[in-house]
Amino acid sequence: MTQKQPKTELDARYSSALNPRPGTENVTATDWGEAQRRLQDAEVFWITTVRPDGRLHVTPLIAAWHDGALYFSVGPGEQKAKNLAGNDHCALTTGHNSFSEGLDVVIEGTAERVTEPARRDEVIAAFEAQYGDRITSPEGIFYGFGDSIRTGHDLLFAVTPGTAYSFGHDGQVFSHTRYTF
């Protein structure tokens, strides 16, 4: 899969650039490469899906950034799987829950079911690299993850970003970057 390089722009309406104070005059957009590094290093993500009646459903899960897409798995009977069957639009969010530091990243797109065996195995390897013993060790909390996907017990999805955002916070300096693909 070829990774698209997005148009990257600082949204001054929501950044310190609009409300400058000492130390904020040089606020810039966060580079897409940095946002991708945060996606690769994250341990917990939140997915937002839409229920058939239009209400939102938000829940945590693990995900892996690989080859230009964010991958996650769900059980076929889970609410998020039911929601995605009717409306494949979703958002995945990760970040640092603090005003004083961090970078939060949001990926918006459509969830595509991954069933092709070679791609599925490549993505499972990406999960194993990202989560290590949590997936590969018999004592790991997600042990058996790969086999569960391979057997179809869990469904694997990919979300290629349509739009992404990052929200940087460093003390009194805030940045809001929009990535358009």
C-alpha atoms as a PDB file:
ATOM      1  CA  MET A   1       0.000   0.000   0.000  1.00  0.00           C
ATOM      2  CA  THR A   2       1.448   3.386  -0.964  1.00  0.00           C
ATOM      3  CA  GLN A   3       1.185   5.944   1.797  1.00  0.00           C
ATOM      4  CA  LYS A   4      -0.310   9.254   0.779  1.00  0.00           C
ATOM      5  CA  GLN A   5       1.371  12.393   2.044  1.00  0.00           C
ATOM      6  CA  PRO A   6      -1.314  14.727   3.309  1.00  0.00           C
ATOM      7  CA  LYS A   7      -1.711  18.441   2.969  1.00  0.00           C
ATOM      8  CA  THR A   8      -0.668  19.666   6.420  1.00  0.00           C
ATOM      9  CA  GLU A   9      -1.874  22.948   7.858  1.00  0.00           C
ATOM     10  CA  LEU A  10      -1.942  24.652  11.231  1.00  0.00           C
ATOM     11  CA  ASP A  11      -5.447  25.706  12.190  1.00  0.00           C
ATOM     12  CA  ALA A  12      -4.767  29.031  13.873  1.00  0.00           C
ATOM     13  CA  ARG A  13      -8.342  29.232  15.182  1.00  0.00           C
ATOM     14  CA  TYR A  14      -7.530  26.528  17.709  1.00  0.00           C
ATOM     15  CA  SER A  15      -3.814  27.129  18.196  1.00  0.00           C
ATOM     16  CA  SER A  16      -1.688  29.509  20.192  1.00  0.00           C
ATOM     17  CA  ALA A  17      -0.972  31.321  16.917  1.00  0.00           C
ATOM     18  CA  LEU A  18      -4.369  33.028  17.233  1.00  0.00           C
ATOM     19  CA  ASN A  19      -3.893  33.975  20.864  1.00  0.00           C
ATOM     20  CA  PRO A  20      -0.153  34.636  21.108  1.00  0.00           C
ATOM     21  CA  ARG A  21       1.572  34.948  24.461  1.00  0.00           C
ATOM     22  CA  PRO A  22       5.250  34.847  25.302  1.00  0.00           C
ATOM     23  CA  GLY A  23       6.729  31.609  23.946  1.00  0.00           C
ATOM     24  CA  THR A  24       3.897  30.899  21.490  1.00  0.00           C
ATOM     25  CA  GLU A  25       4.903  33.091  18.567  1.00  0.00           C
ATOM     26  CA  ASN A  26       6.595  30.218  16.705  1.00  0.00           C
ATOM     27  CA  VAL A  27       3.761  27.665  16.827  1.00  0.00           C
ATOM     28  CA  THR A  28       3.859  25.470  13.718  1.00  0.00           C
ATOM     29  CA  ALA A  29       1.918  22.566  12.299  1.00  0.00           C
ATOM     30  CA  THR A  30       2.928  19.124  13.548  1.00  0.00           C
ATOM     31  CA  ASP A  31       4.706  17.142  10.852  1.00  0.00           C
ATOM     32  CA  TRP A  32       2.762  14.106   9.601  1.00  0.00           C
ATOM     33  CA  GLY A  33       5.802  11.931  10.325  1.00  0.00           C
ATOM     34  CA  GLU A  34       5.580  12.860  14.007  1.00  0.00           C
ATOM     35  CA  ALA A  35       1.855  12.063  14.078  1.00  0.00           C
ATOM     36  CA  GLN A  36       2.584   8.656  12.524  1.00  0.00           C
ATOM     37  CA  ARG A  37       5.271   7.964  15.152  1.00  0.00           C
ATOM     38  CA  ARG A  38       2.686   8.665  17.850  1.00  0.00           C
ATOM     39  CA  LEU A  39       0.279   6.217  16.193  1.00  0.00           C
ATOM     40  CA  GLN A  40       3.011   3.551  16.096  1.00  0.00           C
ATOM     41  CA  ASP A  41       3.929   4.093  19.753  1.00  0.00           C
ATOM     42  CA  ALA A  42       0.404   4.300  21.198  1.00  0.00           C
ATOM     43  CA  GLU A  43      -0.943   1.474  23.320  1.00  0.00           C
ATOM     44  CA  VAL A  44      -4.605   2.447  23.692  1.00  0.00           C
ATOM     45  CA  PHE A  45      -6.964   3.909  21.119  1.00  0.00           C
ATOM     46  CA  TRP A  46     -10.610   4.954  21.301  1.00  0.00           C
ATOM     47  CA  ILE A  47     -12.933   4.124  18.430  1.00  0.00           C
ATOM     48  CA  THR A  48     -16.110   6.038  17.694  1.00  0.00           C
ATOM     49  CA  THR A  49     -18.753   4.318  15.559  1.00  0.00           C
ATOM     50  CA  VAL A  50     -22.367   5.184  14.769  1.00  0.00           C
ATOM     51  CA  ARG A  51     -25.287   3.068  15.964  1.00  0.00           C
ATOM     52  CA  PRO A  52     -28.214   2.383  13.591  1.00  0.00           C
ATOM     53  CA  ASP A  53     -30.285   5.040  15.385  1.00  0.00           C
ATOM     54  CA  GLY A  54     -27.534   7.660  14.920  1.00  0.00           C
ATOM     55  CA  ARG A  55     -26.187   7.615  18.488  1.00  0.00           C
ATOM     56  CA  LEU A  56     -22.436   7.413  18.883  1.00  0.00           C
ATOM     57  CA  HIS A  57     -20.673   4.440  20.435  1.00  0.00           C
ATOM     58  CA  VAL A  58     -17.185   5.023  21.893  1.00  0.00           C
ATOM     59  CA  THR A  59     -14.960   2.307  23.308  1.00  0.00           C
ATOM     60  CA  PRO A  60     -11.222   1.631  23.847  1.00  0.00           C
ATOM     61  CA  LEU A  61      -9.262  -0.929  21.864  1.00  0.00           C
ATOM     62  CA  ILE A  62      -5.774  -1.722  20.626  1.00  0.00           C
ATOM     63  CA  ALA A  63      -4.748  -0.744  17.108  1.00  0.00           C
ATOM     64  CA  ALA A  64      -1.626  -0.838  14.966  1.00  0.00           C
ATOM     65  CA  TRP A  65      -0.443   1.746  12.433  1.00  0.00           C
ATOM     66  CA  HIS A  66       0.913  -0.081   9.404  1.00  0.00           C
ATOM     67  CA  ASP A  67       1.548   0.891   5.804  1.00  0.00           C
ATOM     68  CA  GLY A  68      -0.613   4.022   5.845  1.00  0.00           C
ATOM     69  CA  ALA A  69      -3.618   2.640   7.718  1.00  0.00           C
ATOM     70  CA  LEU A  70      -4.745   2.074  11.291  1.00  0.00           C
ATOM     71  CA  TYR A  71      -5.822  -1.536  11.950  1.00  0.00           C
ATOM     72  CA  PHE A  72      -8.004  -2.920  14.714  1.00  0.00           C
ATOM     73  CA  SER A  73      -9.977  -6.072  15.420  1.00  0.00           C
ATOM     74  CA  VAL A  74     -13.374  -6.691  16.966  1.00  0.00           C
ATOM     75  CA  GLY A  75     -15.522  -9.682  17.754  1.00  0.00           C
ATOM     76  CA  PRO A  76     -18.381 -10.141  15.270  1.00  0.00           C
ATOM     77  CA  GLY A  77     -20.989  -9.834  18.044  1.00  0.00           C
ATOM     78  CA  GLU A  78     -19.582  -6.630  19.550  1.00  0.00           C
ATOM     79  CA  GLN A  79     -21.546  -3.400  19.255  1.00  0.00           C
ATOM     80  CA  LYS A  80     -18.812  -1.722  17.213  1.00  0.00           C
ATOM     81  CA  ALA A  81     -18.861  -4.583  14.679  1.00  0.00           C
ATOM     82  CA  LYS A  82     -22.639  -4.283  14.373  1.00  0.00           C
ATOM     83  CA  ASN A  83     -22.316  -0.526  13.942  1.00  0.00           C
ATOM     84  CA  LEU A  84     -19.640  -0.859  11.252  1.00  0.00           C
ATOM     85  CA  ALA A  85     -21.812  -3.339   9.339  1.00  0.00           C
ATOM     86  CA  GLY A  86     -24.404  -0.604   8.906  1.00  0.00           C
ATOM     87  CA  ASN A  87     -22.169   2.471   8.708  1.00  0.00           C
ATOM     88  CA  ASP A  88     -18.456   2.060   8.030  1.00  0.00           C
ATOM     89  CA  HIS A  89     -17.530   5.641   9.013  1.00  0.00           C
ATOM     90  CA  CYS A  90     -15.507   5.859  12.217  1.00  0.00           C
ATOM     91  CA  ALA A  91     -12.845   7.781  14.084  1.00  0.00           C
ATOM     92  CA  LEU A  92      -9.906   6.434  16.060  1.00  0.00           C
ATOM     93  CA  THR A  93      -8.243   8.601  18.696  1.00  0.00           C
ATOM     94  CA  THR A  94      -5.133   8.272  20.830  1.00  0.00           C
ATOM     95  CA  GLY A  95      -3.070  10.627  22.876  1.00  0.00           C
ATOM     96  CA  HIS A  96      -1.906  11.911  26.195  1.00  0.00           C
ATOM     97  CA  ASN A  97      -4.513  12.946  28.727  1.00  0.00           C
ATOM     98  CA  SER A  98      -2.799  16.129  29.924  1.00  0.00           C
ATOM     99  CA  PHE A  99      -2.883  19.881  29.261  1.00  0.00           C
ATOM    100  CA  SER A 100       0.813  20.281  29.985  1.00  0.00           C
ATOM    101  CA  GLU A 101       2.313  17.909  27.429  1.00  0.00           C
ATOM    102  CA  GLY A 102       1.600  15.489  24.631  1.00  0.00           C
ATOM    103  CA  LEU A 103       0.189  15.043  21.190  1.00  0.00           C
ATOM    104  CA  ASP A 104      -3.309  13.687  20.580  1.00  0.00           C
ATOM    105  CA  VAL A 105      -4.054  12.201  17.157  1.00  0.00           C
ATOM    106  CA  VAL A 106      -7.445  11.568  15.529  1.00  0.00           C
ATOM    107  CA  ILE A 107      -7.915   9.499  12.360  1.00  0.00           C
ATOM    108  CA  GLU A 108     -11.235   9.779  10.522  1.00  0.00           C
ATOM    109  CA  GLY A 109     -12.125   7.409   7.710  1.00  0.00           C
ATOM    110  CA  THR A 110     -14.060   4.337   6.702  1.00  0.00           C
ATOM    111  CA  ALA A 111     -13.408   0.877   8.090  1.00  0.00           C
ATOM    112  CA  GLU A 112     -12.565  -1.720   5.462  1.00  0.00           C
ATOM    113  CA  ARG A 113     -12.694  -5.393   6.399  1.00  0.00           C
ATOM    114  CA  VAL A 114      -9.367  -7.185   5.829  1.00  0.00           C
ATOM    115  CA  THR A 115      -9.728 -10.822   4.765  1.00  0.00           C
ATOM    116  CA  GLU A 116      -6.827 -11.426   2.342  1.00  0.00           C
ATOM    117  CA  PRO A 117      -4.514 -13.899   4.176  1.00  0.00           C
ATOM    118  CA  ALA A 118      -1.139 -12.344   3.258  1.00  0.00           C
ATOM    119  CA  ARG A 119      -2.238  -8.835   4.234  1.00  0.00           C
ATOM    120  CA  ARG A 120      -3.859 -10.165   7.397  1.00  0.00           C
ATOM    121  CA  ASP A 121      -0.623 -11.924   8.427  1.00  0.00           C
ATOM    122  CA  GLU A 122       1.391  -8.770   7.692  1.00  0.00           C
ATOM    123  CA  VAL A 123      -0.904  -6.766   9.961  1.00  0.00           C
ATOM    124  CA  ILE A 124      -0.778  -9.389  12.724  1.00  0.00           C
ATOM    125  CA  ALA A 125       3.024  -9.080  12.598  1.00  0.00           C
ATOM    126  CA  ALA A 126       2.643  -5.295  12.978  1.00  0.00           C
ATOM    127  CA  PHE A 127       0.474  -5.823  16.075  1.00  0.00           C
ATOM    128  CA  GLU A 128       3.047  -8.249  17.496  1.00  0.00           C
ATOM    129  CA  ALA A 129       5.830  -5.702  16.907  1.00  0.00           C
ATOM    130  CA  GLN A 130       3.815  -2.928  18.551  1.00  0.00           C
ATOM    131  CA  TYR A 131       2.441  -4.853  21.540  1.00  0.00           C
ATOM    132  CA  GLY A 132       5.135  -7.523  22.017  1.00  0.00           C
ATOM    133  CA  ASP A 133       4.621  -9.920  24.921  1.00  0.00           C
ATOM    134  CA  ARG A 134       1.061  -8.717  25.476  1.00  0.00           C
ATOM    135  CA  ILE A 135       0.193 -10.593  22.281  1.00  0.00           C
ATOM    136  CA  THR A 136       2.961 -13.167  21.899  1.00  0.00           C
ATOM    137  CA  SER A 137       3.462 -14.496  25.440  1.00  0.00           C
ATOM    138  CA  PRO A 138       1.074 -17.077  26.967  1.00  0.00           C
ATOM    139  CA  GLU A 139       0.913 -14.713  29.969  1.00  0.00           C
ATOM    140  CA  GLY A 140       0.017 -11.751  27.736  1.00  0.00           C
ATOM    141  CA  ILE A 141      -3.369 -10.096  28.063  1.00  0.00           C
ATOM    142  CA  PHE A 142      -4.072 -10.459  24.322  1.00  0.00           C
ATOM    143  CA  TYR A 143      -2.357 -13.826  23.795  1.00  0.00           C
ATOM    144  CA  GLY A 144      -3.890 -15.684  20.858  1.00  0.00           C
ATOM    145  CA  PHE A 145      -4.729 -12.414  19.091  1.00  0.00           C
ATOM    146  CA  GLY A 146      -3.300 -13.498  15.719  1.00  0.00           C
ATOM    147  CA  ASP A 147      -4.937 -16.927  15.778  1.00  0.00           C
ATOM    148  CA  SER A 148      -8.273 -15.368  16.684  1.00  0.00           C
ATOM    149  CA  ILE A 149      -8.088 -13.201  13.559  1.00  0.00           C
ATOM    150  CA  ARG A 150      -6.801 -16.008  11.325  1.00  0.00           C
ATOM    151  CA  THR A 151      -9.671 -18.307  12.329  1.00  0.00           C
ATOM    152  CA  GLY A 152     -12.291 -15.584  11.859  1.00  0.00           C
ATOM    153  CA  HIS A 153     -13.223 -15.506  15.541  1.00  0.00           C
ATOM    154  CA  ASP A 154     -12.320 -11.790  15.411  1.00  0.00           C
ATOM    155  CA  LEU A 155     -12.732  -9.443  12.446  1.00  0.00           C
ATOM    156  CA  LEU A 156      -9.841  -7.292  11.228  1.00  0.00           C
ATOM    157  CA  PHE A 157     -10.455  -3.787   9.878  1.00  0.00           C
ATOM    158  CA  ALA A 158      -8.288  -1.075   8.285  1.00  0.00           C
ATOM    159  CA  VAL A 159      -8.994   2.635   8.387  1.00  0.00           C
ATOM    160  CA  THR A 160      -7.078   4.658   5.829  1.00  0.00           C
ATOM    161  CA  PRO A 161      -7.243   8.287   6.901  1.00  0.00           C
ATOM    162  CA  GLY A 162      -9.556  10.575   4.980  1.00  0.00           C
ATOM    163  CA  THR A 163      -8.766  13.368   7.396  1.00  0.00           C
ATOM    164  CA  ALA A 164      -6.568  13.375  10.481  1.00  0.00           C
ATOM    165  CA  TYR A 165      -5.893  15.880  13.225  1.00  0.00           C
ATOM    166  CA  SER A 166      -3.242  16.341  15.842  1.00  0.00           C
ATOM    167  CA  PHE A 167      -3.555  18.446  18.941  1.00  0.00           C
ATOM    168  CA  GLY A 168      -0.243  19.361  20.499  1.00  0.00           C
ATOM    169  CA  HIS A 169       0.057  20.739  24.004  1.00  0.00           C
ATOM    170  CA  ASP A 170       3.243  21.862  25.666  1.00  0.00           C
ATOM    171  CA  GLY A 171       2.689  24.005  28.723  1.00  0.00           C
ATOM    172  CA  GLN A 172       0.944  27.149  27.456  1.00  0.00           C
ATOM    173  CA  VAL A 173       1.563  26.331  23.784  1.00  0.00           C
ATOM    174  CA  PHE A 174      -1.185  24.585  21.817  1.00  0.00           C
ATOM    175  CA  SER A 175      -1.282  23.537  18.180  1.00  0.00           C
ATOM    176  CA  HIS A 176      -4.082  22.100  16.082  1.00  0.00           C
ATOM    177  CA  THR A 177      -2.950  20.523  12.824  1.00  0.00           C
ATOM    178  CA  ARG A 178      -5.242  19.238  10.087  1.00  0.00           C
ATOM    179  CA  TYR A 179      -4.030  16.604   7.621  1.00  0.00           C
ATOM    180  CA  THR A 180      -6.064  16.284   4.432  1.00  0.00           C
ATOM    181  CA  PHE A 181      -5.457  13.253   2.229  1.00  0.00           C
END
